[in-house]
PDB file of all heavy atoms in Angstrom:
ATOM      1  N   TYR A   1      28.182 129.894 103.819  1.00  0.00           N
ATOM      2  CA  TYR A   1      28.677 129.014 102.768  1.00  0.00           C
ATOM      3  C   TYR A   1      29.400 127.813 103.371  1.00  0.00           C
ATOM      4  O   TYR A   1      29.201 126.671 102.921  1.00  0.00           O
ATOM      5  CB  TYR A   1      29.602 129.759 101.812  1.00  0.00           C
ATOM      6  CG  TYR A   1      30.113 128.853 100.708  1.00  0.00           C
ATOM      7  CD1 TYR A   1      29.307 128.555  99.612  1.00  0.00           C
ATOM      8  CD2 TYR A   1      31.378 128.279 100.788  1.00  0.00           C
ATOM      9  CE1 TYR A   1      29.753 127.694  98.617  1.00  0.00           C
ATOM     10  CE2 TYR A   1      31.833 127.417  99.800  1.00  0.00           C
ATOM     11  CZ  TYR A   1      31.018 127.124  98.717  1.00  0.00           C
ATOM     12  OH  TYR A   1      31.458 126.261  97.741  1.00  0.00           O
ATOM     13  N   LEU A   2      30.250 128.028 104.372  1.00  0.00           N
ATOM     14  CA  LEU A   2      30.947 126.909 105.012  1.00  0.00           C
ATOM     15  C   LEU A   2      29.959 125.866 105.522  1.00  0.00           C
ATOM     16  O   LEU A   2      30.154 124.661 105.339  1.00  0.00           O
ATOM     17  CB  LEU A   2      31.809 127.404 106.180  1.00  0.00           C
ATOM     18  CG  LEU A   2      33.127 128.098 105.892  1.00  0.00           C
ATOM     19  CD1 LEU A   2      33.878 128.348 107.197  1.00  0.00           C
ATOM     20  CD2 LEU A   2      33.991 127.289 104.938  1.00  0.00           C
ATOM     21  N   ALA A   3      28.890 126.334 106.172  1.00  0.00           N
ATOM     22  CA  ALA A   3      27.905 125.417 106.747  1.00  0.00           C
ATOM     23  C   ALA A   3      27.112 124.667 105.686  1.00  0.00           C
ATOM     24  O   ALA A   3      26.536 123.612 105.967  1.00  0.00           O
ATOM     25  CB  ALA A   3      26.952 126.185 107.660  1.00  0.00           C
ATOM     26  N   SER A   4      27.084 125.186 104.473  1.00  0.00           N
ATOM     27  CA  SER A   4      26.318 124.543 103.397  1.00  0.00           C
ATOM     28  C   SER A   4      27.106 123.425 102.712  1.00  0.00           C
ATOM     29  O   SER A   4      26.543 122.682 101.901  1.00  0.00           O
ATOM     30  CB  SER A   4      25.918 125.588 102.344  1.00  0.00           C
ATOM     31  OG  SER A   4      27.037 125.987 101.554  1.00  0.00           O
ATOM     32  N   GLN A   5      28.385 123.301 103.044  1.00  0.00           N
ATOM     33  CA  GLN A   5      29.234 122.331 102.363  1.00  0.00           C
ATOM     34  C   GLN A   5      29.428 121.059 103.193  1.00  0.00           C
ATOM     35  O   GLN A   5      29.459 121.113 104.419  1.00  0.00           O
ATOM     36  CB  GLN A   5      30.590 122.957 102.058  1.00  0.00           C
ATOM     37  CG  GLN A   5      30.504 124.195 101.171  1.00  0.00           C
ATOM     38  CD  GLN A   5      29.820 123.908  99.852  1.00  0.00           C
ATOM     39  OE1 GLN A   5      30.324 123.117  99.046  1.00  0.00           O
ATOM     40  NE2 GLN A   5      28.686 124.546  99.611  1.00  0.00           N
ATOM     41  N   PRO A   6      29.562 119.904 102.538  1.00  0.00           N
ATOM     42  CA  PRO A   6      29.670 118.646 103.279  1.00  0.00           C
ATOM     43  C   PRO A   6      30.956 118.494 104.079  1.00  0.00           C
ATOM     44  O   PRO A   6      30.992 117.773 105.077  1.00  0.00           O
ATOM     45  CB  PRO A   6      29.569 117.577 102.181  1.00  0.00           C
ATOM     46  CG  PRO A   6      29.969 118.273 100.919  1.00  0.00           C
ATOM     47  CD  PRO A   6      29.501 119.690 101.079  1.00  0.00           C
ATOM     48  N   GLU A   7      32.030 119.150 103.652  1.00  0.00           N
ATOM     49  CA  GLU A   7      33.278 119.065 104.403  1.00  0.00           C
ATOM     50  C   GLU A   7      34.084 120.350 104.238  1.00  0.00           C
ATOM     51  O   GLU A   7      33.885 121.115 103.291  1.00  0.00           O
ATOM     52  CB  GLU A   7      34.103 117.862 103.952  1.00  0.00           C
ATOM     53  CG  GLU A   7      34.536 117.893 102.501  1.00  0.00           C
ATOM     54  CD  GLU A   7      35.388 116.701 102.133  1.00  0.00           C
ATOM     55  OE1 GLU A   7      36.137 116.204 102.997  1.00  0.00           O
ATOM     56  OE2 GLU A   7      35.319 116.258 100.966  1.00  0.00           O
ATOM     57  N   LEU A   8      34.994 120.565 105.178  1.00  0.00           N
ATOM     58  CA  LEU A   8      35.840 121.750 105.149  1.00  0.00           C
ATOM     59  C   LEU A   8      37.164 121.414 104.475  1.00  0.00           C
ATOM     60  O   LEU A   8      37.916 120.569 104.953  1.00  0.00           O
ATOM     61  CB  LEU A   8      36.096 122.256 106.575  1.00  0.00           C
ATOM     62  CG  LEU A   8      37.002 123.483 106.693  1.00  0.00           C
ATOM     63  CD1 LEU A   8      36.358 124.691 106.035  1.00  0.00           C
ATOM     64  CD2 LEU A   8      37.312 123.771 108.161  1.00  0.00           C
ATOM     65  N   THR A   9      37.426 122.080 103.367  1.00  0.00           N
ATOM     66  CA  THR A   9      38.688 121.920 102.652  1.00  0.00           C
ATOM     67  C   THR A   9      39.264 123.301 102.386  1.00  0.00           C
ATOM     68  O   THR A   9      38.542 124.306 102.495  1.00  0.00           O
ATOM     69  CB  THR A   9      38.474 121.211 101.300  1.00  0.00           C
ATOM     70  OG1 THR A   9      37.695 122.068 100.443  1.00  0.00           O
ATOM     71  CG2 THR A   9      37.762 119.869 101.479  1.00  0.00           C
ATOM     72  N   PRO A  10      40.534 123.397 102.028  1.00  0.00           N
ATOM     73  CA  PRO A  10      41.090 124.713 101.697  1.00  0.00           C
ATOM     74  C   PRO A  10      40.317 125.407 100.578  1.00  0.00           C
ATOM     75  O   PRO A  10      40.107 126.628 100.633  1.00  0.00           O
ATOM     76  CB  PRO A  10      42.519 124.383 101.269  1.00  0.00           C
ATOM     77  CG  PRO A  10      42.861 123.152 102.043  1.00  0.00           C
ATOM     78  CD  PRO A  10      41.588 122.353 102.082  1.00  0.00           C
ATOM     79  N   ALA A  11      39.876 124.657  99.570  1.00  0.00           N
ATOM     80  CA  ALA A  11      39.133 125.262  98.466  1.00  0.00           C
ATOM     81  C   ALA A  11      37.791 125.804  98.939  1.00  0.00           C
ATOM     82  O   ALA A  11      37.363 126.898  98.535  1.00  0.00           O
ATOM     83  CB  ALA A  11      38.927 124.241  97.352  1.00  0.00           C
ATOM     84  N   VAL A  12      37.104 125.054  99.790  1.00  0.00           N
ATOM     85  CA  VAL A  12      35.830 125.508 100.345  1.00  0.00           C
ATOM     86  C   VAL A  12      36.041 126.770 101.175  1.00  0.00           C
ATOM     87  O   VAL A  12      35.260 127.729 101.087  1.00  0.00           O
ATOM     88  CB  VAL A  12      35.186 124.391 101.197  1.00  0.00           C
ATOM     89  CG1 VAL A  12      34.063 124.950 102.070  1.00  0.00           C
ATOM     90  CG2 VAL A  12      34.647 123.283 100.297  1.00  0.00           C
ATOM     91  N   PHE A  13      37.093 126.794 101.969  1.00  0.00           N
ATOM     92  CA  PHE A  13      37.370 127.949 102.820  1.00  0.00           C
ATOM     93  C   PHE A  13      37.628 129.195 101.976  1.00  0.00           C
ATOM     94  O   PHE A  13      37.102 130.273 102.254  1.00  0.00           O
ATOM     95  CB  PHE A  13      38.584 127.661 103.715  1.00  0.00           C
ATOM     96  CG  PHE A  13      38.672 128.551 104.916  1.00  0.00           C
ATOM     97  CD1 PHE A  13      38.226 128.127 106.154  1.00  0.00           C
ATOM     98  CD2 PHE A  13      39.207 129.831 104.810  1.00  0.00           C
ATOM     99  CE1 PHE A  13      38.311 128.956 107.262  1.00  0.00           C
ATOM    100  CE2 PHE A  13      39.288 130.658 105.903  1.00  0.00           C
ATOM    101  CZ  PHE A  13      38.838 130.220 107.146  1.00  0.00           C
ATOM    102  N   ARG A  14      38.411 129.046 100.920  1.00  0.00           N
ATOM    103  CA  ARG A  14      38.714 130.192 100.054  1.00  0.00           C
ATOM    104  C   ARG A  14      37.445 130.695  99.361  1.00  0.00           C
ATOM    105  O   ARG A  14      37.225 131.907  99.256  1.00  0.00           O
ATOM    106  CB  ARG A  14      39.776 129.803  99.024  1.00  0.00           C
ATOM    107  CG  ARG A  14      41.160 129.565  99.611  1.00  0.00           C
ATOM    108  CD  ARG A  14      42.213 129.479  98.519  1.00  0.00           C
ATOM    109  NE  ARG A  14      42.047 128.282  97.703  1.00  0.00           N
ATOM    110  CZ  ARG A  14      42.674 127.131  97.927  1.00  0.00           C
ATOM    111  NH1 ARG A  14      43.497 127.017  98.967  1.00  0.00           N
ATOM    112  NH2 ARG A  14      42.493 126.101  97.123  1.00  0.00           N
ATOM    113  N   THR A  15      36.631 129.757  98.901  1.00  0.00           N
ATOM    114  CA  THR A  15      35.371 130.143  98.260  1.00  0.00           C
ATOM    115  C   THR A  15      34.476 130.883  99.245  1.00  0.00           C
ATOM    116  O   THR A  15      33.824 131.871  98.898  1.00  0.00           O
ATOM    117  CB  THR A  15      34.640 128.905  97.716  1.00  0.00           C
ATOM    118  OG1 THR A  15      35.476 128.241  96.763  1.00  0.00           O
ATOM    119  CG2 THR A  15      33.326 129.286  97.050  1.00  0.00           C
ATOM    120  N   ALA A  16      34.441 130.417 100.488  1.00  0.00           N
ATOM    121  CA  ALA A  16      33.620 131.051 101.521  1.00  0.00           C
ATOM    122  C   ALA A  16      34.028 132.500 101.748  1.00  0.00           C
ATOM    123  O   ALA A  16      33.178 133.370 101.974  1.00  0.00           O
ATOM    124  CB  ALA A  16      33.722 130.263 102.831  1.00  0.00           C
ATOM    125  N   MET A  17      35.312 132.787 101.672  1.00  0.00           N
ATOM    126  CA  MET A  17      35.772 134.156 101.862  1.00  0.00           C
ATOM    127  C   MET A  17      35.279 135.059 100.735  1.00  0.00           C
ATOM    128  O   MET A  17      34.956 136.229 100.958  1.00  0.00           O
ATOM    129  CB  MET A  17      37.285 134.199 101.976  1.00  0.00           C
ATOM    130  CG  MET A  17      37.806 133.582 103.275  1.00  0.00           C
ATOM    131  SD  MET A  17      39.587 133.738 103.473  1.00  0.00           S
ATOM    132  CE  MET A  17      39.794 135.509 103.575  1.00  0.00           C
ATOM    133  N   PHE A  18      35.204 134.523  99.524  1.00  0.00           N
ATOM    134  CA  PHE A  18      34.657 135.306  98.417  1.00  0.00           C
ATOM    135  C   PHE A  18      33.169 135.585  98.624  1.00  0.00           C
ATOM    136  O   PHE A  18      32.700 136.701  98.379  1.00  0.00           O
ATOM    137  CB  PHE A  18      34.890 134.579  97.093  1.00  0.00           C
ATOM    138  CG  PHE A  18      36.234 134.831  96.495  1.00  0.00           C
ATOM    139  CD1 PHE A  18      37.364 134.163  96.962  1.00  0.00           C
ATOM    140  CD2 PHE A  18      36.396 135.745  95.469  1.00  0.00           C
ATOM    141  CE1 PHE A  18      38.607 134.395  96.414  1.00  0.00           C
ATOM    142  CE2 PHE A  18      37.640 135.986  94.903  1.00  0.00           C
ATOM    143  CZ  PHE A  18      38.757 135.311  95.380  1.00  0.00           C
ATOM    144  N   TYR A  19      32.420 134.577  99.089  1.00  0.00           N
ATOM    145  CA  TYR A  19      30.997 134.795  99.342  1.00  0.00           C
ATOM    146  C   TYR A  19      30.789 135.777 100.494  1.00  0.00           C
ATOM    147  O   TYR A  19      29.822 136.542 100.508  1.00  0.00           O
ATOM    148  CB  TYR A  19      30.285 133.475  99.630  1.00  0.00           C
ATOM    149  CG  TYR A  19      29.859 132.754  98.373  1.00  0.00           C
ATOM    150  CD1 TYR A  19      30.400 131.519  98.036  1.00  0.00           C
ATOM    151  CD2 TYR A  19      28.905 133.313  97.513  1.00  0.00           C
ATOM    152  CE1 TYR A  19      30.014 130.859  96.878  1.00  0.00           C
ATOM    153  CE2 TYR A  19      28.515 132.660  96.353  1.00  0.00           C
ATOM    154  CZ  TYR A  19      29.075 131.436  96.043  1.00  0.00           C
ATOM    155  OH  TYR A  19      28.685 130.791  94.884  1.00  0.00           O
ATOM    156  N   GLY A  20      31.714 135.776 101.458  1.00  0.00           N
ATOM    157  CA  GLY A  20      31.656 136.787 102.500  1.00  0.00           C
ATOM    158  C   GLY A  20      31.781 138.180 101.925  1.00  0.00           C
ATOM    159  O   GLY A  20      31.022 139.091 102.263  1.00  0.00           O
ATOM    160  N   GLY A  21      32.735 138.347 101.014  1.00  0.00           N
ATOM    161  CA  GLY A  21      32.914 139.637 100.353  1.00  0.00           C
ATOM    162  C   GLY A  21      31.698 140.040  99.541  1.00  0.00           C
ATOM    163  O   GLY A  21      31.324 141.215  99.493  1.00  0.00           O
ATOM    164  N   VAL A  22      31.064 139.066  98.901  1.00  0.00           N
ATOM    165  CA  VAL A  22      29.856 139.340  98.127  1.00  0.00           C
ATOM    166  C   VAL A  22      28.762 139.915  99.022  1.00  0.00           C
ATOM    167  O   VAL A  22      28.167 140.966  98.717  1.00  0.00           O
ATOM    168  CB  VAL A  22      29.346 138.051  97.440  1.00  0.00           C
ATOM    169  CG1 VAL A  22      27.925 138.248  96.917  1.00  0.00           C
ATOM    170  CG2 VAL A  22      30.269 137.652  96.308  1.00  0.00           C
ATOM    171  N   MET A  23      28.496 139.258 100.147  1.00  0.00           N
ATOM    172  CA  MET A  23      27.404 139.705 101.010  1.00  0.00           C
ATOM    173  C   MET A  23      27.729 141.031 101.689  1.00  0.00           C
ATOM    174  O   MET A  23      26.858 141.877 101.889  1.00  0.00           O
ATOM    175  CB  MET A  23      27.075 138.628 102.048  1.00  0.00           C
ATOM    176  CG  MET A  23      26.667 137.284 101.450  1.00  0.00           C
ATOM    177  SD  MET A  23      25.448 137.379 100.110  1.00  0.00           S
ATOM    178  CE  MET A  23      23.995 137.980 100.989  1.00  0.00           C
ATOM    179  N   GLY A  24      28.994 141.239 102.037  1.00  0.00           N
ATOM    180  CA  GLY A  24      29.387 142.527 102.593  1.00  0.00           C
ATOM    181  C   GLY A  24      29.211 143.654 101.596  1.00  0.00           C
ATOM    182  O   GLY A  24      28.798 144.761 101.947  1.00  0.00           O
ATOM    183  N   SER A  25      29.478 143.369 100.321  1.00  0.00           N
ATOM    184  CA  SER A  25      29.343 144.404  99.291  1.00  0.00           C
ATOM    185  C   SER A  25      27.887 144.785  99.059  1.00  0.00           C
ATOM    186  O   SER A  25      27.583 145.944  98.748  1.00  0.00           O
ATOM    187  CB  SER A  25      29.986 143.933  97.978  1.00  0.00           C
ATOM    188  OG  SER A  25      29.217 142.929  97.331  1.00  0.00           O
ATOM    189  N   PHE A  26      26.980 143.831  99.194  1.00  0.00           N
ATOM    190  CA  PHE A  26      25.563 144.162  99.070  1.00  0.00           C
ATOM    191  C   PHE A  26      25.090 144.987 100.268  1.00  0.00           C
ATOM    192  O   PHE A  26      24.312 145.936 100.125  1.00  0.00           O
ATOM    193  CB  PHE A  26      24.721 142.888  98.969  1.00  0.00           C
ATOM    194  CG  PHE A  26      24.725 142.251  97.613  1.00  0.00           C
ATOM    195  CD1 PHE A  26      25.123 140.937  97.454  1.00  0.00           C
ATOM    196  CD2 PHE A  26      24.336 142.964  96.486  1.00  0.00           C
ATOM    197  CE1 PHE A  26      25.136 140.332  96.203  1.00  0.00           C
ATOM    198  CE2 PHE A  26      24.348 142.375  95.223  1.00  0.00           C
ATOM    199  CZ  PHE A  26      24.750 141.053  95.084  1.00  0.00           C
ATOM    200  N   ALA A  27      25.558 144.633 101.454  1.00  0.00           N
ATOM    201  CA  ALA A  27      25.064 145.272 102.677  1.00  0.00           C
ATOM    202  C   ALA A  27      25.268 146.778 102.677  1.00  0.00           C
ATOM    203  O   ALA A  27      24.432 147.525 103.195  1.00  0.00           O
ATOM    204  CB  ALA A  27      25.748 144.653 103.896  1.00  0.00           C
ATOM    205  N   VAL A  28      26.361 147.253 102.089  1.00  0.00           N
ATOM    206  CA  VAL A  28      26.694 148.675 102.173  1.00  0.00           C
ATOM    207  C   VAL A  28      25.954 149.528 101.141  1.00  0.00           C
ATOM    208  O   VAL A  28      26.050 150.749 101.165  1.00  0.00           O
ATOM    209  CB  VAL A  28      28.215 148.903 102.023  1.00  0.00           C
ATOM    210  CG1 VAL A  28      28.991 148.112 103.067  1.00  0.00           C
ATOM    211  CG2 VAL A  28      28.698 148.539 100.612  1.00  0.00           C
ATOM    212  N   GLU A  29      25.209 148.907 100.252  1.00  0.00           N
ATOM    213  CA  GLU A  29      24.572 149.650  99.168  1.00  0.00           C
ATOM    214  C   GLU A  29      23.293 150.373  99.584  1.00  0.00           C
ATOM    215  O   GLU A  29      22.805 151.233  98.853  1.00  0.00           O
ATOM    216  CB  GLU A  29      24.254 148.699  98.012  1.00  0.00           C
ATOM    217  CG  GLU A  29      25.491 148.185  97.307  1.00  0.00           C
ATOM    218  CD  GLU A  29      25.158 147.279  96.136  1.00  0.00           C
ATOM    219  OE1 GLU A  29      24.036 146.720  96.092  1.00  0.00           O
ATOM    220  OE2 GLU A  29      26.014 147.133  95.251  1.00  0.00           O
ATOM    221  N   ARG A  30      22.752 150.024 100.747  1.00  0.00           N
ATOM    222  CA  ARG A  30      21.540 150.676 101.257  1.00  0.00           C
ATOM    223  C   ARG A  30      21.691 150.862 102.763  1.00  0.00           C
ATOM    224  O   ARG A  30      22.546 150.260 103.403  1.00  0.00           O
ATOM    225  CB  ARG A  30      20.283 149.834 100.977  1.00  0.00           C
ATOM    226  CG  ARG A  30      20.003 149.559  99.515  1.00  0.00           C
ATOM    227  CD  ARG A  30      19.489 150.786  98.788  1.00  0.00           C
ATOM    228  NE  ARG A  30      19.089 150.451  97.429  1.00  0.00           N
ATOM    229  CZ  ARG A  30      19.925 150.399  96.384  1.00  0.00           C
ATOM    230  NH1 ARG A  30      21.214 150.649  96.557  1.00  0.00           N
ATOM    231  NH2 ARG A  30      19.481 150.091  95.174  1.00  0.00           N
ATOM    232  N   PHE A  31      20.825 151.669 103.341  1.00  0.00           N
ATOM    233  CA  PHE A  31      20.831 151.822 104.791  1.00  0.00           C
ATOM    234  C   PHE A  31      20.300 150.552 105.461  1.00  0.00           C
ATOM    235  O   PHE A  31      19.406 149.875 104.934  1.00  0.00           O
ATOM    236  CB  PHE A  31      19.965 153.011 105.212  1.00  0.00           C
ATOM    237  CG  PHE A  31      20.647 154.345 105.091  1.00  0.00           C
ATOM    238  CD1 PHE A  31      20.357 155.199 104.034  1.00  0.00           C
ATOM    239  CD2 PHE A  31      21.599 154.743 106.027  1.00  0.00           C
ATOM    240  CE1 PHE A  31      20.984 156.430 103.917  1.00  0.00           C
ATOM    241  CE2 PHE A  31      22.235 155.965 105.927  1.00  0.00           C
ATOM    242  CZ  PHE A  31      21.928 156.819 104.863  1.00  0.00           C
ATOM    243  N   GLY A  32      20.860 150.259 106.630  1.00  0.00           N
ATOM    244  CA  GLY A  32      20.373 149.137 107.428  1.00  0.00           C
ATOM    245  C   GLY A  32      20.468 147.810 106.692  1.00  0.00           C
ATOM    246  O   GLY A  32      21.485 147.492 106.067  1.00  0.00           O
ATOM    247  N   THR A  33      19.374 147.054 106.744  1.00  0.00           N
ATOM    248  CA  THR A  33      19.351 145.730 106.123  1.00  0.00           C
ATOM    249  C   THR A  33      18.586 145.713 104.806  1.00  0.00           C
ATOM    250  O   THR A  33      18.295 144.648 104.263  1.00  0.00           O
ATOM    251  CB  THR A  33      18.695 144.714 107.081  1.00  0.00           C
ATOM    252  OG1 THR A  33      17.330 145.120 107.334  1.00  0.00           O
ATOM    253  CG2 THR A  33      19.438 144.635 108.404  1.00  0.00           C
ATOM    254  N   ASP A  34      18.245 146.882 104.273  1.00  0.00           N
ATOM    255  CA  ASP A  34      17.370 146.949 103.101  1.00  0.00           C
ATOM    256  C   ASP A  34      17.889 146.133 101.918  1.00  0.00           C
ATOM    257  O   ASP A  34      17.133 145.414 101.265  1.00  0.00           O
ATOM    258  CB  ASP A  34      17.173 148.405 102.667  1.00  0.00           C
ATOM    259  CG  ASP A  34      16.228 149.164 103.584  1.00  0.00           C
ATOM    260  OD1 ASP A  34      15.693 148.542 104.528  1.00  0.00           O
ATOM    261  OD2 ASP A  34      16.027 150.376 103.359  1.00  0.00           O
ATOM    262  N   ARG A  35      19.176 146.244 101.632  1.00  0.00           N
ATOM    263  CA  ARG A  35      19.708 145.536 100.467  1.00  0.00           C
ATOM    264  C   ARG A  35      19.781 144.038 100.713  1.00  0.00           C
ATOM    265  O   ARG A  35      19.508 143.236  99.807  1.00  0.00           O
ATOM    266  CB  ARG A  35      21.091 146.078 100.120  1.00  0.00           C
ATOM    267  CG  ARG A  35      21.648 145.522  98.805  1.00  0.00           C
ATOM    268  CD  ARG A  35      20.828 145.991  97.624  1.00  0.00           C
ATOM    269  NE  ARG A  35      21.428 145.589  96.364  1.00  0.00           N
ATOM    270  CZ  ARG A  35      20.987 144.581  95.599  1.00  0.00           C
ATOM    271  NH1 ARG A  35      19.939 143.866  95.989  1.00  0.00           N
ATOM    272  NH2 ARG A  35      21.593 144.283  94.457  1.00  0.00           N
TER     273      ARG A  35
END
């Protein structure tokens, strides 16, 4: 998400942490990389 944004701001950084949590939550739902 950070790399997809034109500039780094505190708001962008905070949003990126939420998207990190989103992708981590999907990863644990199946074995390996399936999800």
